[in-house]
Amino acid sequence: MQDKEVMNTKEAAAFLRLSAFTVREYAKQGTIPAKRIGGRWRFYLPDLVEWVRKPSHLPQEEGETMTPEEMAAVQRGIEDIKQGRFVSLEEYRDGKRP
Protein backbone atom coordinates (compact mmCIF):
# COMPACT_ATOMS: atom_id res chain seq x y z
CA MET A 1 0.00 0.00 0.00
CA GLN A 2 1.25 3.46 -0.80
CA ASP A 3 2.08 6.04 1.85
CA LYS A 4 -1.35 7.48 2.80
CA GLU A 5 -1.08 11.16 3.70
CA VAL A 6 -4.56 11.92 2.35
CA MET A 7 -7.25 9.66 3.75
CA ASN A 8 -10.91 9.09 3.08
CA THR A 9 -13.53 9.03 5.85
CA LYS A 10 -13.16 5.32 6.58
CA GLU A 11 -9.38 5.55 6.87
CA ALA A 12 -9.54 8.66 9.05
CA ALA A 13 -12.12 6.96 11.27
CA ALA A 14 -9.86 3.93 11.70
CA PHE A 15 -6.89 6.15 12.53
CA LEU A 16 -8.87 8.12 15.11
CA ARG A 17 -10.70 5.04 16.43
CA LEU A 18 -14.05 6.75 15.77
CA SER A 19 -17.01 5.72 13.66
CA ALA A 20 -17.17 7.02 10.10
CA PHE A 21 -20.43 8.76 11.04
CA THR A 22 -18.70 10.67 13.85
CA VAL A 23 -15.80 11.66 11.61
CA ARG A 24 -18.22 12.98 8.97
CA GLU A 25 -20.16 14.92 11.59
CA TYR A 26 -16.95 16.40 13.03
CA ALA A 27 -15.90 17.38 9.50
CA LYS A 28 -19.26 19.04 8.81
CA GLN A 29 -19.06 20.95 12.10
CA GLY A 30 -15.47 22.03 11.48
CA THR A 31 -14.38 20.19 14.63
CA ILE A 32 -11.82 18.15 12.75
CA PRO A 33 -9.53 19.38 9.95
CA ALA A 34 -10.98 18.20 6.63
CA LYS A 35 -11.71 19.31 3.07
CA ARG A 36 -14.46 18.34 0.67
CA ILE A 37 -13.02 17.25 -2.66
CA GLY A 38 -15.37 16.03 -5.36
CA GLY A 39 -18.21 15.86 -2.84
CA ARG A 40 -16.25 13.60 -0.49
CA TRP A 41 -14.41 14.36 2.72
CA ARG A 42 -10.62 14.07 2.67
CA PHE A 43 -8.32 14.20 5.67
CA TYR A 44 -4.62 15.11 5.65
CA LEU A 45 -2.74 12.84 8.07
CA PRO A 46 -0.37 15.50 9.50
CA ASP A 47 -3.41 17.70 10.27
CA LEU A 48 -5.11 14.82 12.08
CA VAL A 49 -1.99 14.10 14.10
CA GLU A 50 -1.82 17.76 15.13
CA TRP A 51 -5.53 17.69 16.00
CA VAL A 52 -4.98 14.62 18.20
CA ARG A 53 -2.01 16.27 19.90
CA LYS A 54 -3.89 19.46 20.73
CA PRO A 55 -7.59 18.83 20.38
CA SER A 56 -9.40 22.13 20.73
CA HIS A 57 -12.56 20.35 21.81
CA LEU A 58 -10.97 19.25 25.08
CA PRO A 59 -9.99 21.58 27.90
CA GLN A 60 -6.23 21.89 28.08
CA GLU A 61 -3.65 23.92 29.87
CA GLU A 62 -1.56 26.22 27.70
CA GLY A 63 1.26 24.23 26.12
CA GLU A 64 -0.11 20.84 27.24
CA THR A 65 0.86 18.05 24.88
CA MET A 66 0.45 14.31 24.66
CA THR A 67 2.38 11.96 26.92
CA PRO A 68 5.13 9.88 25.30
CA GLU A 69 2.87 6.82 25.59
CA GLU A 70 0.00 8.62 23.84
CA MET A 71 2.30 9.84 21.09
CA ALA A 72 3.68 6.31 20.64
CA ALA A 73 0.09 5.03 20.24
CA VAL A 74 -0.58 7.68 17.58
CA GLN A 75 2.62 6.73 15.76
CA ARG A 76 1.59 3.05 15.83
CA GLY A 77 -1.78 4.08 14.37
CA ILE A 78 -0.06 6.01 11.60
CA GLU A 79 2.13 3.03 10.75
CA ASP A 80 -0.89 0.71 10.78
CA ILE A 81 -2.67 2.94 8.26
CA LYS A 82 0.41 3.19 6.05
CA GLN A 83 0.64 -0.61 6.02
CA GLY A 84 -3.09 -1.08 5.45
CA ARG A 85 -3.59 -2.57 8.91
CA PHE A 86 -6.75 -1.03 10.27
CA VAL A 87 -10.27 -2.00 11.17
CA SER A 88 -13.38 0.05 11.83
CA LEU A 89 -14.32 0.90 15.40
CA GLU A 90 -17.25 -1.49 15.14
CA GLU A 91 -14.94 -4.33 14.03
CA TYR A 92 -12.49 -3.44 16.81
CA ARG A 93 -15.28 -3.56 19.40
CA ASP A 94 -16.31 -6.96 18.02
CA GLY A 95 -12.81 -8.25 18.75
CA LYS A 96 -11.24 -7.99 15.30
CA ARG A 97 -7.67 -6.69 15.48
CA PRO A 98 -5.44 -5.49 12.64
PDB file of N, CA and C in Angstrom:
ATOM      1  N   MET A   1       0.845  -1.188   0.000  1.00  0.00           N
ATOM      2  CA  MET A   1       0.000   0.000   0.000  1.00  0.00           C
ATOM      3  C   MET A   1       0.882   1.240   0.000  1.00  0.00           C
ATOM      4  N   GLN A   2       0.467   2.234  -0.722  1.00  0.00           N
ATOM      5  CA  GLN A   2       1.254   3.465  -0.801  1.00  0.00           C
ATOM      6  C   GLN A   2       1.153   4.250   0.506  1.00  0.00           C
ATOM      7  N   ASP A   3       2.071   5.154   0.684  1.00  0.00           N
ATOM      8  CA  ASP A   3       2.080   6.036   1.847  1.00  0.00           C
ATOM      9  C   ASP A   3       0.821   6.905   1.804  1.00  0.00           C
ATOM     10  N   LYS A   4      -0.062   6.792   2.813  1.00  0.00           N
ATOM     11  CA  LYS A   4      -1.352   7.479   2.802  1.00  0.00           C
ATOM     12  C   LYS A   4      -1.290   8.747   3.630  1.00  0.00           C
ATOM     13  N   GLU A   5      -1.022   9.874   2.997  1.00  0.00           N
ATOM     14  CA  GLU A   5      -1.076  11.155   3.702  1.00  0.00           C
ATOM     15  C   GLU A   5      -2.461  11.749   3.598  1.00  0.00           C
ATOM     16  N   VAL A   6      -3.186  11.442   2.513  1.00  0.00           N
ATOM     17  CA  VAL A   6      -4.557  11.916   2.352  1.00  0.00           C
ATOM     18  C   VAL A   6      -5.462  10.703   2.493  1.00  0.00           C
ATOM     19  N   MET A   7      -6.402  10.799   3.431  1.00  0.00           N
ATOM     20  CA  MET A   7      -7.252   9.656   3.747  1.00  0.00           C
ATOM     21  C   MET A   7      -8.713   9.975   3.474  1.00  0.00           C
ATOM     22  N   ASN A   8      -9.474   8.932   3.193  1.00  0.00           N
ATOM     23  CA  ASN A   8     -10.914   9.088   3.082  1.00  0.00           C
ATOM     24  C   ASN A   8     -11.528   8.969   4.478  1.00  0.00           C
ATOM     25  N   THR A   9     -12.849   9.048   4.552  1.00  0.00           N
ATOM     26  CA  THR A   9     -13.525   9.027   5.847  1.00  0.00           C
ATOM     27  C   THR A   9     -13.273   7.733   6.603  1.00  0.00           C
ATOM     28  N   LYS A  10     -13.359   6.616   5.924  1.00  0.00           N
ATOM     29  CA  LYS A  10     -13.164   5.317   6.577  1.00  0.00           C
ATOM     30  C   LYS A  10     -11.758   5.196   7.157  1.00  0.00           C
ATOM     31  N   GLU A  11     -10.756   5.622   6.396  1.00  0.00           N
ATOM     32  CA  GLU A  11      -9.376   5.549   6.871  1.00  0.00           C
ATOM     33  C   GLU A  11      -9.138   6.493   8.042  1.00  0.00           C
ATOM     34  N   ALA A  12      -9.692   7.712   7.945  1.00  0.00           N
ATOM     35  CA  ALA A  12      -9.542   8.665   9.048  1.00  0.00           C
ATOM     36  C   ALA A  12     -10.230   8.143  10.298  1.00  0.00           C
ATOM     37  N   ALA A  13     -11.397   7.526  10.132  1.00  0.00           N
ATOM     38  CA  ALA A  13     -12.123   6.962  11.271  1.00  0.00           C
ATOM     39  C   ALA A  13     -11.309   5.858  11.944  1.00  0.00           C
ATOM     40  N   ALA A  14     -10.689   5.004  11.138  1.00  0.00           N
ATOM     41  CA  ALA A  14      -9.863   3.931  11.697  1.00  0.00           C
ATOM     42  C   ALA A  14      -8.673   4.507  12.457  1.00  0.00           C
ATOM     43  N   PHE A  15      -8.036   5.511  11.876  1.00  0.00           N
ATOM     44  CA  PHE A  15      -6.891   6.146  12.534  1.00  0.00           C
ATOM     45  C   PHE A  15      -7.291   6.751  13.872  1.00  0.00           C
ATOM     46  N   LEU A  16      -8.433   7.432  13.900  1.00  0.00           N
ATOM     47  CA  LEU A  16      -8.874   8.121  15.112  1.00  0.00           C
ATOM     48  C   LEU A  16      -9.641   7.216  16.065  1.00  0.00           C
ATOM     49  N   ARG A  17      -9.914   5.979  15.629  1.00  0.00           N
ATOM     50  CA  ARG A  17     -10.698   5.038  16.433  1.00  0.00           C
ATOM     51  C   ARG A  17     -12.084   5.606  16.737  1.00  0.00           C
ATOM     52  N   LEU A  18     -12.692   6.207  15.697  1.00  0.00           N
ATOM     53  CA  LEU A  18     -14.047   6.751  15.766  1.00  0.00           C
ATOM     54  C   LEU A  18     -14.869   6.105  14.665  1.00  0.00           C
ATOM     55  N   SER A  19     -16.171   6.230  14.744  1.00  0.00           N
ATOM     56  CA  SER A  19     -17.011   5.720  13.657  1.00  0.00           C
ATOM     57  C   SER A  19     -16.909   6.680  12.468  1.00  0.00           C
ATOM     58  N   ALA A  20     -17.177   6.172  11.291  1.00  0.00           N
ATOM     59  CA  ALA A  20     -17.169   7.022  10.099  1.00  0.00           C
ATOM     60  C   ALA A  20     -18.239   8.105  10.226  1.00  0.00           C
ATOM     61  N   PHE A  21     -19.374   7.774  10.832  1.00  0.00           N
ATOM     62  CA  PHE A  21     -20.431   8.758  11.042  1.00  0.00           C
ATOM     63  C   PHE A  21     -19.920   9.925  11.878  1.00  0.00           C
ATOM     64  N   THR A  22     -19.234   9.620  12.977  1.00  0.00           N
ATOM     65  CA  THR A  22     -18.705  10.673  13.853  1.00  0.00           C
ATOM     66  C   THR A  22     -17.684  11.531  13.129  1.00  0.00           C
ATOM     67  N   VAL A  23     -16.812  10.906  12.355  1.00  0.00           N
ATOM     68  CA  VAL A  23     -15.804  11.659  11.608  1.00  0.00           C
ATOM     69  C   VAL A  23     -16.480  12.595  10.610  1.00  0.00           C
ATOM     70  N   ARG A  24     -17.497  12.109   9.903  1.00  0.00           N
ATOM     71  CA  ARG A  24     -18.220  12.982   8.965  1.00  0.00           C
ATOM     72  C   ARG A  24     -18.896  14.143   9.693  1.00  0.00           C
ATOM     73  N   GLU A  25     -19.509  13.860  10.826  1.00  0.00           N
ATOM     74  CA  GLU A  25     -20.161  14.924  11.594  1.00  0.00           C
ATOM     75  C   GLU A  25     -19.143  15.953  12.083  1.00  0.00           C
ATOM     76  N   TYR A  26     -18.008  15.486  12.596  1.00  0.00           N
ATOM     77  CA  TYR A  26     -16.946  16.402  13.026  1.00  0.00           C
ATOM     78  C   TYR A  26     -16.468  17.256  11.858  1.00  0.00           C
ATOM     79  N   ALA A  27     -16.342  16.630  10.686  1.00  0.00           N
ATOM     80  CA  ALA A  27     -15.898  17.378   9.501  1.00  0.00           C
ATOM     81  C   ALA A  27     -16.919  18.449   9.138  1.00  0.00           C
ATOM     82  N   LYS A  28     -18.201  18.085   9.132  1.00  0.00           N
ATOM     83  CA  LYS A  28     -19.262  19.043   8.808  1.00  0.00           C
ATOM     84  C   LYS A  28     -19.279  20.217   9.781  1.00  0.00           C
ATOM     85  N   GLN A  29     -19.031  19.930  11.056  1.00  0.00           N
ATOM     86  CA  GLN A  29     -19.060  20.955  12.102  1.00  0.00           C
ATOM     87  C   GLN A  29     -17.779  21.787  12.144  1.00  0.00           C
ATOM     88  N   GLY A  30     -16.746  21.332  11.430  1.00  0.00           N
ATOM     89  CA  GLY A  30     -15.471  22.028  11.484  1.00  0.00           C
ATOM     90  C   GLY A  30     -14.670  21.681  12.722  1.00  0.00           C
ATOM     91  N   THR A  31     -15.070  20.628  13.423  1.00  0.00           N
ATOM     92  CA  THR A  31     -14.375  20.194  14.634  1.00  0.00           C
ATOM     93  C   THR A  31     -13.043  19.548  14.305  1.00  0.00           C
ATOM     94  N   ILE A  32     -13.001  18.884  13.176  1.00  0.00           N
ATOM     95  CA  ILE A  32     -11.816  18.149  12.755  1.00  0.00           C
ATOM     96  C   ILE A  32     -11.327  18.743  11.428  1.00  0.00           C
ATOM     97  N   PRO A  33     -10.016  18.818  11.210  1.00  0.00           N
ATOM     98  CA  PRO A  33      -9.526  19.383   9.948  1.00  0.00           C
ATOM     99  C   PRO A  33      -9.849  18.456   8.767  1.00  0.00           C
ATOM    100  N   ALA A  34     -10.574  18.995   7.794  1.00  0.00           N
ATOM    101  CA  ALA A  34     -10.982  18.201   6.631  1.00  0.00           C
ATOM    102  C   ALA A  34     -11.334  19.124   5.475  1.00  0.00           C
ATOM    103  N   LYS A  35     -11.329  18.573   4.277  1.00  0.00           N
ATOM    104  CA  LYS A  35     -11.712  19.308   3.065  1.00  0.00           C
ATOM    105  C   LYS A  35     -12.642  18.429   2.254  1.00  0.00           C
ATOM    106  N   ARG A  36     -13.600  19.064   1.600  1.00  0.00           N
ATOM    107  CA  ARG A  36     -14.463  18.345   0.666  1.00  0.00           C
ATOM    108  C   ARG A  36     -13.848  18.457  -0.726  1.00  0.00           C
ATOM    109  N   ILE A  37     -13.592  17.310  -1.321  1.00  0.00           N
ATOM    110  CA  ILE A  37     -13.024  17.254  -2.662  1.00  0.00           C
ATOM    111  C   ILE A  37     -13.907  16.316  -3.475  1.00  0.00           C
ATOM    112  N   GLY A  38     -14.477  16.846  -4.539  1.00  0.00           N
ATOM    113  CA  GLY A  38     -15.370  16.034  -5.362  1.00  0.00           C
ATOM    114  C   GLY A  38     -16.569  15.508  -4.587  1.00  0.00           C
ATOM    115  N   GLY A  39     -17.045  16.268  -3.622  1.00  0.00           N
ATOM    116  CA  GLY A  39     -18.209  15.863  -2.840  1.00  0.00           C
ATOM    117  C   GLY A  39     -17.912  14.884  -1.725  1.00  0.00           C
ATOM    118  N   ARG A  40     -16.650  14.554  -1.533  1.00  0.00           N
ATOM    119  CA  ARG A  40     -16.254  13.598  -0.490  1.00  0.00           C
ATOM    120  C   ARG A  40     -15.274  14.246   0.476  1.00  0.00           C
ATOM    121  N   TRP A  41     -15.331  13.827   1.719  1.00  0.00           N
ATOM    122  CA  TRP A  41     -14.410  14.356   2.719  1.00  0.00           C
ATOM    123  C   TRP A  41     -13.041  13.718   2.559  1.00  0.00           C
ATOM    124  N   ARG A  42     -12.011  14.543   2.691  1.00  0.00           N
ATOM    125  CA  ARG A  42     -10.625  14.074   2.672  1.00  0.00           C
ATOM    126  C   ARG A  42      -9.919  14.649   3.895  1.00  0.00           C
ATOM    127  N   PHE A  43      -9.007  13.851   4.435  1.00  0.00           N
ATOM    128  CA  PHE A  43      -8.316  14.198   5.670  1.00  0.00           C
ATOM    129  C   PHE A  43      -6.815  14.054   5.452  1.00  0.00           C
ATOM    130  N   TYR A  44      -6.070  15.092   5.816  1.00  0.00           N
ATOM    131  CA  TYR A  44      -4.622  15.108   5.653  1.00  0.00           C
ATOM    132  C   TYR A  44      -4.010  14.599   6.954  1.00  0.00           C
ATOM    133  N   LEU A  45      -3.269  13.507   6.880  1.00  0.00           N
ATOM    134  CA  LEU A  45      -2.740  12.839   8.067  1.00  0.00           C
ATOM    135  C   LEU A  45      -1.993  13.768   9.023  1.00  0.00           C
ATOM    136  N   PRO A  46      -1.054  14.605   8.548  1.00  0.00           N
ATOM    137  CA  PRO A  46      -0.373  15.497   9.496  1.00  0.00           C
ATOM    138  C   PRO A  46      -1.333  16.426  10.250  1.00  0.00           C
ATOM    139  N   ASP A  47      -2.419  16.858   9.585  1.00  0.00           N
ATOM    140  CA  ASP A  47      -3.406  17.700  10.266  1.00  0.00           C
ATOM    141  C   ASP A  47      -4.136  16.915  11.350  1.00  0.00           C
ATOM    142  N   LEU A  48      -4.448  15.650  11.076  1.00  0.00           N
ATOM    143  CA  LEU A  48      -5.114  14.823  12.080  1.00  0.00           C
ATOM    144  C   LEU A  48      -4.211  14.558  13.273  1.00  0.00           C
ATOM    145  N   VAL A  49      -2.937  14.317  13.000  1.00  0.00           N
ATOM    146  CA  VAL A  49      -1.986  14.095  14.095  1.00  0.00           C
ATOM    147  C   VAL A  49      -1.916  15.339  14.975  1.00  0.00           C
ATOM    148  N   GLU A  50      -1.853  16.507  14.365  1.00  0.00           N
ATOM    149  CA  GLU A  50      -1.822  17.756  15.132  1.00  0.00           C
ATOM    150  C   GLU A  50      -3.117  17.932  15.923  1.00  0.00           C
ATOM    151  N   TRP A  51      -4.241  17.594  15.319  1.00  0.00           N
ATOM    152  CA  TRP A  51      -5.530  17.692  16.004  1.00  0.00           C
ATOM    153  C   TRP A  51      -5.574  16.778  17.222  1.00  0.00           C
ATOM    154  N   VAL A  52      -5.018  15.571  17.079  1.00  0.00           N
ATOM    155  CA  VAL A  52      -4.975  14.624  18.197  1.00  0.00           C
ATOM    156  C   VAL A  52      -4.064  15.150  19.297  1.00  0.00           C
ATOM    157  N   ARG A  53      -2.947  15.736  18.908  1.00  0.00           N
ATOM    158  CA  ARG A  53      -2.005  16.266  19.904  1.00  0.00           C
ATOM    159  C   ARG A  53      -2.600  17.398  20.721  1.00  0.00           C
ATOM    160  N   LYS A  54      -3.342  18.281  20.069  1.00  0.00           N
ATOM    161  CA  LYS A  54      -3.891  19.459  20.727  1.00  0.00           C
ATOM    162  C   LYS A  54      -5.352  19.636  20.349  1.00  0.00           C
ATOM    163  N   PRO A  55      -6.191  18.704  20.776  1.00  0.00           N
ATOM    164  CA  PRO A  55      -7.590  18.827  20.383  1.00  0.00           C
ATOM    165  C   PRO A  55      -8.243  20.040  21.034  1.00  0.00           C
ATOM    166  N   SER A  56      -8.787  20.909  20.213  1.00  0.00           N
ATOM    167  CA  SER A  56      -9.397  22.134  20.726  1.00  0.00           C
ATOM    168  C   SER A  56     -10.723  21.859  21.417  1.00  0.00           C
ATOM    169  N   HIS A  57     -11.282  20.674  21.195  1.00  0.00           N
ATOM    170  CA  HIS A  57     -12.565  20.347  21.807  1.00  0.00           C
ATOM    171  C   HIS A  57     -12.424  19.855  23.239  1.00  0.00           C
ATOM    172  N   LEU A  58     -11.194  19.675  23.710  1.00  0.00           N
ATOM    173  CA  LEU A  58     -10.966  19.251  25.081  1.00  0.00           C
ATOM    174  C   LEU A  58     -10.293  20.370  25.864  1.00  0.00           C
ATOM    175  N   PRO A  59     -10.669  20.553  27.116  1.00  0.00           N
ATOM    176  CA  PRO A  59      -9.992  21.584  27.901  1.00  0.00           C
ATOM    177  C   PRO A  59      -8.532  21.198  28.123  1.00  0.00           C
ATOM    178  N   GLN A  60      -7.654  22.150  27.892  1.00  0.00           N
ATOM    179  CA  GLN A  60      -6.231  21.892  28.076  1.00  0.00           C
ATOM    180  C   GLN A  60      -5.564  23.110  28.674  1.00  0.00           C
ATOM    181  N   GLU A  61      -4.507  22.845  29.386  1.00  0.00           N
ATOM    182  CA  GLU A  61      -3.654  23.916  29.867  1.00  0.00           C
ATOM    183  C   GLU A  61      -2.805  24.409  28.706  1.00  0.00           C
ATOM    184  N   GLU A  62      -2.419  25.651  28.744  1.00  0.00           N
ATOM    185  CA  GLU A  62      -1.563  26.220  27.697  1.00  0.00           C
ATOM    186  C   GLU A  62      -0.281  25.401  27.579  1.00  0.00           C
ATOM    187  N   GLY A  63       0.030  24.978  26.378  1.00  0.00           N
ATOM    188  CA  GLY A  63       1.260  24.234  26.124  1.00  0.00           C
ATOM    189  C   GLY A  63       1.174  22.758  26.454  1.00  0.00           C
ATOM    190  N   GLU A  64       0.024  22.266  26.904  1.00  0.00           N
ATOM    191  CA  GLU A  64      -0.112  20.845  27.240  1.00  0.00           C
ATOM    192  C   GLU A  64      -0.021  20.013  25.971  1.00  0.00           C
ATOM    193  N   THR A  65       0.707  18.934  26.028  1.00  0.00           N
ATOM    194  CA  THR A  65       0.857  18.048  24.878  1.00  0.00           C
ATOM    195  C   THR A  65       0.589  16.618  25.317  1.00  0.00           C
ATOM    196  N   MET A  66       0.684  15.719  24.373  1.00  0.00           N
ATOM    197  CA  MET A  66       0.450  14.307  24.656  1.00  0.00           C
ATOM    198  C   MET A  66       1.615  13.730  25.444  1.00  0.00           C
ATOM    199  N   THR A  67       1.322  12.688  26.211  1.00  0.00           N
ATOM    200  CA  THR A  67       2.381  11.963  26.915  1.00  0.00           C
ATOM    201  C   THR A  67       3.170  11.156  25.889  1.00  0.00           C
ATOM    202  N   PRO A  68       4.373  10.732  26.228  1.00  0.00           N
ATOM    203  CA  PRO A  68       5.129   9.882  25.298  1.00  0.00           C
ATOM    204  C   PRO A  68       4.373   8.605  24.927  1.00  0.00           C
ATOM    205  N   GLU A  69       3.639   8.037  25.875  1.00  0.00           N
ATOM    206  CA  GLU A  69       2.872   6.825  25.593  1.00  0.00           C
ATOM    207  C   GLU A  69       1.747   7.109  24.597  1.00  0.00           C
ATOM    208  N   GLU A  70       1.061   8.248  24.772  1.00  0.00           N
ATOM    209  CA  GLU A  70      -0.004   8.619  23.843  1.00  0.00           C
ATOM    210  C   GLU A  70       0.559   8.873  22.452  1.00  0.00           C
ATOM    211  N   MET A  71       1.688   9.555  22.388  1.00  0.00           N
ATOM    212  CA  MET A  71       2.300   9.836  21.091  1.00  0.00           C
ATOM    213  C   MET A  71       2.745   8.549  20.413  1.00  0.00           C
ATOM    214  N   ALA A  72       3.275   7.599  21.201  1.00  0.00           N
ATOM    215  CA  ALA A  72       3.681   6.307  20.640  1.00  0.00           C
ATOM    216  C   ALA A  72       2.471   5.578  20.063  1.00  0.00           C
ATOM    217  N   ALA A  73       1.316   5.667  20.746  1.00  0.00           N
ATOM    218  CA  ALA A  73       0.095   5.030  20.242  1.00  0.00           C
ATOM    219  C   ALA A  73      -0.342   5.669  18.926  1.00  0.00           C
ATOM    220  N   VAL A  74      -0.238   6.986  18.828  1.00  0.00           N
ATOM    221  CA  VAL A  74      -0.580   7.675  17.580  1.00  0.00           C
ATOM    222  C   VAL A  74       0.368   7.230  16.465  1.00  0.00           C
ATOM    223  N   GLN A  75       1.647   7.155  16.768  1.00  0.00           N
ATOM    224  CA  GLN A  75       2.618   6.726  15.756  1.00  0.00           C
ATOM    225  C   GLN A  75       2.332   5.305  15.284  1.00  0.00           C
ATOM    226  N   ARG A  76       1.957   4.417  16.228  1.00  0.00           N
ATOM    227  CA  ARG A  76       1.593   3.050  15.827  1.00  0.00           C
ATOM    228  C   ARG A  76       0.374   3.080  14.912  1.00  0.00           C
ATOM    229  N   GLY A  77      -0.591   3.947  15.217  1.00  0.00           N
ATOM    230  CA  GLY A  77      -1.776   4.077  14.372  1.00  0.00           C
ATOM    231  C   GLY A  77      -1.422   4.550  12.972  1.00  0.00           C
ATOM    232  N   ILE A  78      -0.508   5.504  12.893  1.00  0.00           N
ATOM    233  CA  ILE A  78      -0.062   6.010  11.595  1.00  0.00           C
ATOM    234  C   ILE A  78       0.593   4.887  10.798  1.00  0.00           C
ATOM    235  N   GLU A  79       1.460   4.128  11.437  1.00  0.00           N
ATOM    236  CA  GLU A  79       2.130   3.026  10.749  1.00  0.00           C
ATOM    237  C   GLU A  79       1.131   1.960  10.312  1.00  0.00           C
ATOM    238  N   ASP A  80       0.144   1.684  11.158  1.00  0.00           N
ATOM    239  CA  ASP A  80      -0.888   0.713  10.777  1.00  0.00           C
ATOM    240  C   ASP A  80      -1.604   1.155   9.515  1.00  0.00           C
ATOM    241  N   ILE A  81      -1.972   2.428   9.443  1.00  0.00           N
ATOM    242  CA  ILE A  81      -2.668   2.937   8.260  1.00  0.00           C
ATOM    243  C   ILE A  81      -1.772   2.854   7.042  1.00  0.00           C
ATOM    244  N   LYS A  82      -0.522   3.246   7.186  1.00  0.00           N
ATOM    245  CA  LYS A  82       0.406   3.195   6.050  1.00  0.00           C
ATOM    246  C   LYS A  82       0.557   1.774   5.518  1.00  0.00           C
ATOM    247  N   GLN A  83       0.476   0.786   6.412  1.00  0.00           N
ATOM    248  CA  GLN A  83       0.643  -0.611   6.016  1.00  0.00           C
ATOM    249  C   GLN A  83      -0.692  -1.283   5.685  1.00  0.00           C
ATOM    250  N   GLY A  84      -1.783  -0.512   5.760  1.00  0.00           N
ATOM    251  CA  GLY A  84      -3.093  -1.077   5.445  1.00  0.00           C
ATOM    252  C   GLY A  84      -3.664  -1.928   6.560  1.00  0.00           C
ATOM    253  N   ARG A  85      -3.114  -1.777   7.764  1.00  0.00           N
ATOM    254  CA  ARG A  85      -3.587  -2.568   8.906  1.00  0.00           C
ATOM    255  C   ARG A  85      -4.510  -1.709   9.760  1.00  0.00           C
ATOM    256  N   PHE A  86      -5.795  -1.728   9.429  1.00  0.00           N
ATOM    257  CA  PHE A  86      -6.747  -1.026  10.268  1.00  0.00           C
ATOM    258  C   PHE A  86      -8.113  -1.668  10.132  1.00  0.00           C
ATOM    259  N   VAL A  87      -8.906  -1.503  11.166  1.00  0.00           N
ATOM    260  CA  VAL A  87     -10.272  -2.002  11.171  1.00  0.00           C
ATOM    261  C   VAL A  87     -11.167  -0.871  11.648  1.00  0.00           C
ATOM    262  N   SER A  88     -12.446  -0.963  11.356  1.00  0.00           N
ATOM    263  CA  SER A  88     -13.382   0.047  11.828  1.00  0.00           C
ATOM    264  C   SER A  88     -13.547  -0.090  13.338  1.00  0.00           C
ATOM    265  N   LEU A  89     -14.081   0.935  13.956  1.00  0.00           N
ATOM    266  CA  LEU A  89     -14.322   0.899  15.397  1.00  0.00           C
ATOM    267  C   LEU A  89     -15.283  -0.236  15.733  1.00  0.00           C
ATOM    268  N   GLU A  90     -16.285  -0.425  14.901  1.00  0.00           N
ATOM    269  CA  GLU A  90     -17.246  -1.493  15.140  1.00  0.00           C
ATOM    270  C   GLU A  90     -16.553  -2.860  15.102  1.00  0.00           C
ATOM    271  N   GLU A  91     -15.681  -3.074  14.116  1.00  0.00           N
ATOM    272  CA  GLU A  91     -14.937  -4.329  14.031  1.00  0.00           C
ATOM    273  C   GLU A  91     -14.019  -4.493  15.241  1.00  0.00           C
ATOM    274  N   TYR A  92     -13.387  -3.407  15.653  1.00  0.00           N
ATOM    275  CA  TYR A  92     -12.489  -3.438  16.809  1.00  0.00           C
ATOM    276  C   TYR A  92     -13.273  -3.842  18.054  1.00  0.00           C
ATOM    277  N   ARG A  93     -14.447  -3.236  18.234  1.00  0.00           N
ATOM    278  CA  ARG A  93     -15.283  -3.557  19.397  1.00  0.00           C
ATOM    279  C   ARG A  93     -15.738  -5.003  19.358  1.00  0.00           C
ATOM    280  N   ASP A  94     -15.902  -5.566  18.164  1.00  0.00           N
ATOM    281  CA  ASP A  94     -16.309  -6.964  18.017  1.00  0.00           C
ATOM    282  C   ASP A  94     -15.138  -7.932  18.183  1.00  0.00           C
ATOM    283  N   GLY A  95     -13.961  -7.401  18.475  1.00  0.00           N
ATOM    284  CA  GLY A  95     -12.811  -8.254  18.747  1.00  0.00           C
ATOM    285  C   GLY A  95     -11.852  -8.439  17.599  1.00  0.00           C
ATOM    286  N   LYS A  96     -12.158  -7.874  16.435  1.00  0.00           N
ATOM    287  CA  LYS A  96     -11.237  -7.995  15.304  1.00  0.00           C
ATOM    288  C   LYS A  96     -10.068  -7.051  15.525  1.00  0.00           C
ATOM    289  N   ARG A  97      -8.870  -7.513  15.306  1.00  0.00           N
ATOM    290  CA  ARG A  97      -7.672  -6.693  15.475  1.00  0.00           C
ATOM    291  C   ARG A  97      -6.906  -6.666  14.158  1.00  0.00           C
ATOM    292  N   PRO A  98      -6.213  -5.548  13.894  1.00  0.00           N
ATOM    293  CA  PRO A  98      -5.436  -5.488  12.636  1.00  0.00           C
ATOM    294  C   PRO A  98      -4.288  -6.466  12.639  1.00  0.00           C
TER     295      PRO A  98
END
